[in-house]
Protein backbone atom coordinates (compact mmCIF):
# COMPACT_ATOMS: atom_id res chain seq x y z
CA MET A 1 4.07 37.22 41.15
CA PRO A 2 4.19 39.65 38.16
CA SER A 3 3.47 42.88 39.40
CA SER A 4 3.49 45.00 36.02
CA ASP A 5 1.89 44.93 32.41
CA PHE A 6 5.62 44.44 31.33
CA GLU A 7 6.40 41.87 33.52
CA THR A 8 2.94 40.03 32.78
CA GLN A 9 3.54 40.41 29.16
CA THR A 10 7.32 38.99 29.67
CA ALA A 11 5.75 36.40 31.50
CA THR A 12 3.53 35.32 28.95
CA ALA A 13 5.82 35.46 25.92
CA ALA A 14 7.98 33.27 27.94
CA ARG A 15 5.31 30.38 28.38
CA VAL A 16 4.69 30.83 24.34
CA SER A 17 8.20 30.43 23.95
CA LEU A 18 8.73 27.36 26.30
CA ILE A 19 5.40 25.84 24.23
CA LEU A 20 7.16 26.62 20.49
CA LEU A 21 10.30 24.98 21.80
CA GLY A 22 8.75 22.22 23.11
CA GLY A 23 6.70 21.52 19.79
CA ILE A 24 9.83 21.82 17.92
CA ALA A 25 11.49 19.24 20.11
CA VAL A 26 8.44 16.91 19.70
CA VAL A 27 8.64 17.29 15.75
CA GLY A 28 12.64 16.63 16.12
CA VAL A 29 12.07 13.25 18.21
CA LEU A 30 8.95 12.11 15.60
CA GLU A 31 11.01 12.60 12.61
CA TYR A 32 14.87 11.03 14.54
CA ALA A 33 12.46 8.31 15.81
CA GLN A 34 10.43 7.46 12.68
CA VAL A 35 11.66 3.86 12.27
CA ILE A 36 10.03 3.09 15.78
CA LEU A 37 7.57 5.48 16.26
CA ALA A 38 5.81 5.16 12.76
CA PRO A 39 5.11 1.30 13.15
CA ILE A 40 3.96 1.83 16.97
CA ALA A 41 1.70 4.65 16.12
CA LEU A 42 0.05 2.71 13.31
CA ALA A 43 -0.46 -0.32 15.03
CA ILE A 44 -2.40 1.90 17.91
CA VAL A 45 -4.65 3.63 15.03
CA ILE A 46 -5.31 -0.12 13.48
CA GLY A 47 -5.72 -1.45 17.42
CA LEU A 48 -8.43 1.14 17.91
CA MET A 49 -10.28 0.11 14.71
CA PHE A 50 -10.11 -3.86 15.91
CA GLY A 51 -10.74 -2.94 19.61
CA PRO A 52 -14.39 -3.30 19.47
CA LEU A 53 -13.92 -6.96 17.33
CA ALA A 54 -11.85 -7.71 20.27
CA ASP A 55 -14.18 -6.86 22.85
CA ARG A 56 -16.79 -8.92 20.95
CA ILE A 57 -14.53 -12.18 20.90
CA GLU A 58 -13.98 -11.72 24.95
CA GLN A 59 -17.99 -11.70 25.59
CA PHE A 60 -17.76 -15.74 25.11
CA GLY A 61 -15.15 -16.00 27.74
CA ILE A 62 -12.08 -15.99 25.79
CA PRO A 63 -8.98 -14.28 26.99
CA PRO A 64 -7.51 -11.32 26.12
CA TRP A 65 -4.43 -12.62 24.34
CA VAL A 66 -6.35 -14.73 22.33
CA SER A 67 -9.03 -12.44 21.10
CA ALA A 68 -5.75 -9.83 20.34
CA PHE A 69 -4.17 -12.97 18.30
CA ALA A 70 -7.43 -13.30 16.66
CA ALA A 71 -7.41 -9.65 15.47
CA VAL A 72 -4.08 -9.58 14.40
CA LEU A 73 -5.10 -12.78 12.12
CA ILE A 74 -7.95 -11.27 10.75
CA PHE A 75 -6.00 -8.40 9.58
CA LEU A 76 -3.31 -10.51 7.87
CA ALA A 77 -6.02 -12.17 6.17
CA LEU A 78 -7.28 -9.13 5.16
CA ILE A 79 -4.16 -7.64 3.71
CA ALA A 80 -3.36 -11.24 1.98
CA ILE A 81 -6.75 -10.86 0.11
CA ALA A 82 -6.09 -7.90 -1.01
CA ALA A 83 -2.47 -8.38 -2.05
CA THR A 84 -3.80 -11.61 -3.93
CA GLY A 85 -6.35 -9.17 -5.72
CA PHE A 86 -3.69 -6.53 -6.75
CA ALA A 87 -0.73 -9.19 -7.85
CA VAL A 88 -1.93 -10.52 -11.04
CA PRO A 89 -3.23 -7.38 -12.83
CA LEU A 90 -0.97 -4.93 -11.54
CA ALA A 91 1.76 -7.01 -12.66
CA ASP A 92 0.35 -7.06 -16.28
CA TRP A 93 0.10 -3.39 -16.09
CA MET A 94 3.71 -3.26 -15.00
CA ASP A 95 4.73 -4.50 -17.93
CA ARG A 96 2.67 -2.23 -19.95
CA LEU A 97 4.45 0.95 -18.40
CA PRO A 98 7.04 1.26 -21.23
CA GLU A 99 3.86 1.61 -23.57
CA ILE A 100 2.21 4.06 -21.60
CA TRP A 101 5.55 6.40 -21.28
CA SER A 102 6.16 6.04 -25.07
CA ARG A 103 2.29 7.28 -25.95
CA LEU A 104 2.57 10.10 -23.38
CA GLN A 105 5.56 10.88 -24.94
CA SER A 106 4.03 11.06 -28.30
CA GLU A 107 0.89 12.93 -27.13
CA LEU A 108 3.38 15.60 -25.53
CA THR A 109 4.77 16.14 -29.19
CA SER A 110 2.18 18.68 -29.86
CA TRP A 111 3.22 20.78 -27.03
CA LYS A 112 6.98 21.14 -28.19
CA GLY A 113 6.28 24.17 -29.40
CA ILE A 114 5.10 25.64 -26.10
CA PHE A 115 7.63 23.94 -24.34
CA ALA A 116 10.47 25.19 -26.54
CA SER A 117 8.70 28.71 -25.90
CA VAL A 118 8.99 28.51 -22.20
CA GLY A 119 12.44 27.03 -22.47
CA GLY A 120 13.39 30.18 -24.65
CA LEU A 121 11.80 32.62 -22.10
CA GLN A 122 13.34 30.95 -19.39
CA GLU A 123 16.73 31.37 -21.14
CA GLN A 124 16.57 34.88 -21.97
CA LEU A 125 15.51 35.56 -18.20
CA ARG A 126 19.02 33.58 -17.35
CA GLN A 127 20.68 35.81 -19.45
CA ALA A 128 19.27 38.96 -18.32
CA MET A 129 19.92 38.38 -14.77
CA GLY A 130 23.67 37.16 -15.69
CA GLN A 131 23.15 33.30 -14.85
CA ASN A 132 24.90 30.57 -16.23
CA SER A 133 22.34 28.25 -18.30
CA GLY A 134 24.48 25.28 -17.80
CA MET A 135 22.88 22.65 -15.60
CA LYS A 136 24.49 19.65 -14.01
CA VAL A 137 22.78 16.15 -13.29
CA ASN A 138 24.19 13.78 -11.26
CA VAL A 139 22.86 10.28 -11.46
CA ASP A 140 23.09 7.79 -8.80
CA ASP A 141 24.16 4.47 -10.22
CA THR A 142 22.94 2.49 -7.14
CA SER A 143 21.31 -0.61 -8.26
CA ALA A 144 17.92 -1.52 -7.50
CA VAL A 145 19.20 -5.03 -5.95
CA GLU A 146 21.34 -3.03 -3.48
CA SER A 147 18.54 -0.89 -2.68
CA VAL A 148 16.42 -3.73 -1.52
CA VAL A 149 19.33 -5.49 -0.06
CA TYR A 150 19.73 -2.52 2.31
CA PHE A 151 15.77 -1.50 3.01
CA ALA A 152 14.55 -5.10 3.11
CA PRO A 153 16.02 -5.99 6.85
CA ALA A 154 14.46 -2.57 8.07
CA LEU A 155 11.13 -3.03 6.44
CA MET A 156 10.95 -6.39 8.17
CA ALA A 157 11.72 -5.10 11.36
CA GLN A 158 9.38 -2.52 10.95
CA ILE A 159 6.45 -5.13 9.94
CA VAL A 160 7.26 -7.12 13.04
CA LEU A 161 7.23 -4.16 15.45
CA PHE A 162 4.09 -3.12 14.13
CA LEU A 163 2.49 -6.55 14.46
CA ALA A 164 3.72 -6.95 17.76
CA SER A 165 2.52 -3.46 18.97
CA MET A 166 -0.84 -4.29 17.48
CA TYR A 167 -1.28 -7.74 19.20
CA PHE A 168 -0.30 -5.95 22.37
CA PHE A 169 -2.02 -3.19 22.20
CA ILE A 170 -5.27 -4.96 21.59
CA ALA A 171 -4.26 -7.79 24.40
CA THR A 172 -3.43 -5.02 27.21
CA ARG A 173 -5.37 -1.85 26.32
CA ASN A 174 -8.00 -2.47 29.10
CA GLU A 175 -5.01 -2.96 31.59
CA PHE A 176 -3.52 0.03 30.20
CA ARG A 177 -6.82 2.07 30.91
CA ASP A 178 -7.54 0.45 34.33
CA ALA A 179 -3.75 1.55 35.24
CA VAL A 180 -4.53 5.10 34.33
CA LEU A 181 -7.69 5.23 36.27
CA SER A 182 -6.12 4.01 39.35
CA ARG A 183 -3.92 7.16 39.56
CA CYS A 184 -6.82 9.51 39.53
CA VAL A 185 -8.09 9.94 42.89
CA ALA A 186 -10.88 12.44 42.26
CA PRO A 187 -13.65 10.59 41.40
CA ARG A 188 -14.94 12.93 39.01
CA LEU A 189 -11.43 13.05 37.35
CA ARG A 190 -11.71 9.44 37.02
CA ARG A 191 -14.65 9.08 35.33
CA ARG A 192 -13.95 11.95 32.99
CA VAL A 193 -10.43 9.94 32.00
CA ALA A 194 -12.50 6.72 31.70
CA GLY A 195 -14.95 8.66 29.11
CA THR A 196 -12.19 10.10 27.32
CA PHE A 197 -10.69 6.53 26.58
CA LEU A 198 -13.98 5.52 25.63
CA GLU A 199 -14.61 8.40 23.49
CA VAL A 200 -11.51 8.00 21.73
CA GLU A 201 -11.76 4.23 20.67
CA ASP A 202 -15.29 5.14 19.94
CA LYS A 203 -14.32 7.72 17.59
CA VAL A 204 -11.68 6.28 16.11
CA SER A 205 -13.08 3.12 15.43
CA ARG A 206 -16.41 4.61 14.28
CA TYR A 207 -14.30 6.60 11.72
CA LEU A 208 -12.09 4.13 10.07
CA LEU A 209 -14.96 1.37 9.82
CA SER A 210 -17.10 3.96 8.29
CA ILE A 211 -14.33 5.24 6.22
CA THR A 212 -13.72 1.45 4.90
CA LEU A 213 -17.67 0.89 4.14
CA VAL A 214 -17.35 4.09 2.19
CA ASN A 215 -14.16 3.08 0.48
CA ILE A 216 -15.41 -0.41 -0.53
CA ALA A 217 -18.56 1.32 -1.98
CA LEU A 218 -16.65 3.82 -3.73
CA GLY A 219 -14.26 0.76 -5.01
CA LEU A 220 -17.32 -1.02 -6.63
CA ALA A 221 -18.55 2.09 -8.07
CA VAL A 222 -15.33 2.63 -9.48
CA SER A 223 -15.03 -0.75 -11.01
CA VAL A 224 -18.48 -0.78 -12.08
CA VAL A 225 -17.99 2.51 -14.19
CA MET A 226 -14.61 1.30 -15.43
CA PHE A 227 -16.14 -1.72 -16.65
CA ALA A 228 -19.28 0.33 -18.27
CA LEU A 229 -16.15 2.28 -20.02
CA GLY A 230 -14.53 -0.64 -21.48
CA VAL A 231 -11.15 -0.22 -19.33
CA PRO A 232 -9.35 -3.23 -19.06
CA SER A 233 -8.95 -4.62 -15.40
CA PRO A 234 -11.59 -2.57 -13.67
CA LEU A 235 -11.53 -4.60 -10.69
CA LEU A 236 -7.53 -3.37 -9.91
CA TRP A 237 -8.52 0.17 -10.59
CA GLY A 238 -11.82 -0.22 -7.84
CA MET A 239 -9.50 -1.77 -5.24
CA MET A 240 -6.62 0.76 -5.95
CA ALA A 241 -9.41 3.56 -5.74
CA GLY A 242 -10.68 2.45 -2.22
CA VAL A 243 -7.19 1.87 -0.94
CA LEU A 244 -5.62 5.45 -1.77
CA ASN A 245 -8.91 6.94 -0.64
CA TYR A 246 -7.69 6.54 3.14
CA VAL A 247 -5.30 9.02 2.26
CA ILE A 248 -7.83 12.30 1.80
CA TYR A 249 -6.60 14.83 -0.84
CA ILE A 250 -3.23 13.05 -2.06
CA GLY A 251 -4.90 9.59 -2.52
CA PRO A 252 -7.81 10.93 -4.95
CA ALA A 253 -4.60 12.85 -7.01
CA VAL A 254 -2.62 9.95 -7.42
CA MET A 255 -5.35 8.07 -8.43
CA ALA A 256 -6.62 10.65 -11.09
CA VAL A 257 -2.96 10.52 -12.64
CA VAL A 258 -3.05 6.62 -12.72
CA LEU A 259 -6.23 6.65 -14.54
CA THR A 260 -4.89 9.18 -17.00
CA GLY A 261 -2.05 6.95 -17.61
CA VAL A 262 -4.60 4.34 -18.13
CA GLY A 263 -6.30 6.26 -20.50
CA LEU A 264 -2.97 6.95 -22.78
CA ALA A 265 -2.60 3.15 -22.56
CA THR A 266 -6.42 2.17 -23.62
CA ALA A 267 -7.69 5.01 -25.83
CA ASP A 268 -7.09 6.85 -28.96
CA THR A 269 -8.54 10.38 -28.48
CA ALA A 270 -8.17 13.17 -26.08
CA PRO A 271 -11.68 12.64 -24.60
CA ALA A 272 -11.47 8.79 -24.51
CA ILE A 273 -8.17 9.27 -22.44
CA LEU A 274 -9.44 12.06 -20.33
CA LEU A 275 -12.73 9.95 -19.65
CA PRO A 276 -11.58 7.51 -16.50
CA PRO A 277 -10.08 10.13 -14.63
CA LEU A 278 -12.93 12.64 -15.17
CA ALA A 279 -15.63 9.85 -14.20
CA TYR A 280 -13.11 8.81 -11.14
CA LEU A 281 -13.15 12.57 -10.23
CA GLY A 282 -17.02 12.90 -10.71
CA LEU A 283 -17.43 9.53 -8.20
CA ASN A 284 -15.14 10.86 -5.80
CA LEU A 285 -16.50 14.29 -5.55
CA LEU A 286 -19.59 12.61 -4.88
CA GLU A 287 -18.32 10.66 -2.13
CA ALA A 288 -16.09 13.33 -0.26
CA GLN A 289 -19.14 15.97 -0.65
CA ILE A 290 -22.30 13.69 0.02
CA VAL A 291 -21.88 10.08 0.66
CA THR A 292 -18.70 10.64 3.92
CA PRO A 293 -20.66 13.51 5.52
CA HIS A 294 -23.77 11.79 5.71
CA VAL A 295 -22.09 8.45 7.05
CA LEU A 296 -19.99 10.35 9.70
CA GLY A 297 -22.60 12.73 10.66
CA ARG A 298 -21.90 15.98 12.39
CA THR A 299 -20.35 14.67 15.41
CA MET A 300 -17.62 13.23 13.22
CA THR A 301 -16.98 16.29 10.75
CA LEU A 302 -13.52 18.19 11.13
CA ASN A 303 -12.07 21.45 10.08
CA PRO A 304 -11.09 20.79 6.26
CA PHE A 305 -8.27 23.52 6.95
CA LEU A 306 -7.03 21.71 10.50
CA VAL A 307 -7.19 18.13 8.04
CA PHE A 308 -5.09 19.41 5.13
CA LEU A 309 -2.42 21.02 7.97
CA ALA A 310 -2.56 17.62 9.83
CA LEU A 311 -2.14 15.65 6.37
CA ALA A 312 0.68 17.79 5.21
CA GLY A 313 2.59 17.38 8.43
CA TRP A 314 2.11 13.85 9.11
CA ILE A 315 3.32 13.15 5.53
CA TRP A 316 6.07 15.51 5.69
CA LEU A 317 7.06 13.48 8.95
CA TRP A 318 6.29 10.19 8.40
CA GLY A 319 5.30 9.68 4.56
CA PRO A 320 2.47 7.36 3.69
CA VAL A 321 1.78 6.28 7.19
CA GLY A 322 1.50 9.87 8.51
CA GLY A 323 -1.36 10.22 5.78
CA PHE A 324 -3.40 7.02 7.21
CA ILE A 325 -3.00 8.31 10.69
CA ALA A 326 -3.21 11.83 10.40
CA VAL A 327 -7.18 12.08 10.37
CA PRO A 328 -7.36 9.25 13.70
CA ALA A 329 -4.77 11.73 15.24
CA LEU A 330 -6.57 14.76 14.74
CA LEU A 331 -9.48 13.16 16.12
CA ILE A 332 -7.33 11.72 19.28
CA ALA A 333 -5.87 15.14 20.05
CA GLY A 334 -9.57 16.95 19.60
CA THR A 335 -11.34 14.48 21.88
CA VAL A 336 -8.37 14.65 24.37
CA ILE A 337 -8.15 18.62 24.35
CA ALA A 338 -12.22 18.78 24.28
CA ASN A 339 -12.05 16.68 27.77
CA ILE A 340 -9.57 18.46 29.47
CA GLU A 341 -11.11 22.00 28.94
CA THR A 342 -14.52 20.15 30.10
CA VAL A 343 -12.87 18.91 33.34
CA PRO A 344 -14.91 19.82 36.55
CA SER A 345 -13.43 20.92 39.67
CA GLU A 346 -13.64 19.20 42.84
CA PRO A 347 -15.16 21.39 45.46
CA SER A 348 -12.55 22.03 48.16
């Protein structure tokens, strides 16, 4: 036992150092094993969302493996419907990308003076600092076909791993919970752990279902507004707005950029070009500040700074998949920590 303040501080520093090293090790493992862990984590989050649906199906006496298979089929059907809605109009807009790029270049012509001034100032600074202004750009000559051939098998393996993980998680989640509870000898601890499982599933499924309904409403509102503004393919932009809104902060920013490109392709004046993205940002602000907090309620409200940190960290680790699971992972961690802190001690 520590016998002085110095030994106490040393012991505390040692524990903090071990925690930091453990955190660094966890981050390294998550990044190194992304190909395997990312599909599994995504499957668990989606499985928590479809867990209540599987429970409803099992109430009719249907075995868990059948309800899990039905949940996976429903998920695939929803993905197929969304992909069908995206395919045709998105292909048409992909053909118009050269036109949008040409229009963007013409719009930026008036900014050449500013760019030239900035470039001249940059050159003067480099000369004053004695740096060489030459710049070498290496262009990768890898063709798109080679990239597809390289990444397609890995992508298919991840999709198969995701679907299999989702199926087995939904089918065996109750057995896993019972196995964990059987290791809890103390009755109070057993009740607390059981409550943690139920609370995690309830919070994550309620959050994802609520956000899905909010995103559907946002997509419909964006479609109506784009139709009223005369923007082509309004249903496409509504669907895209709803999908991108799952990744908070990043998704709305990407959607605003996309609608700016749409404005460049369909309008002639600066106000008309900016009207679609500004209308979308207005709807997104209404959704983020009023609708979503009202739907989720105070019990689901998270600290915006923690959400931002979680989003930045998970996107850095796992990209779009990390952006999707960032908030559910934060909910799971918060629920587990809250229940650990409130675990009652057994009387001796």
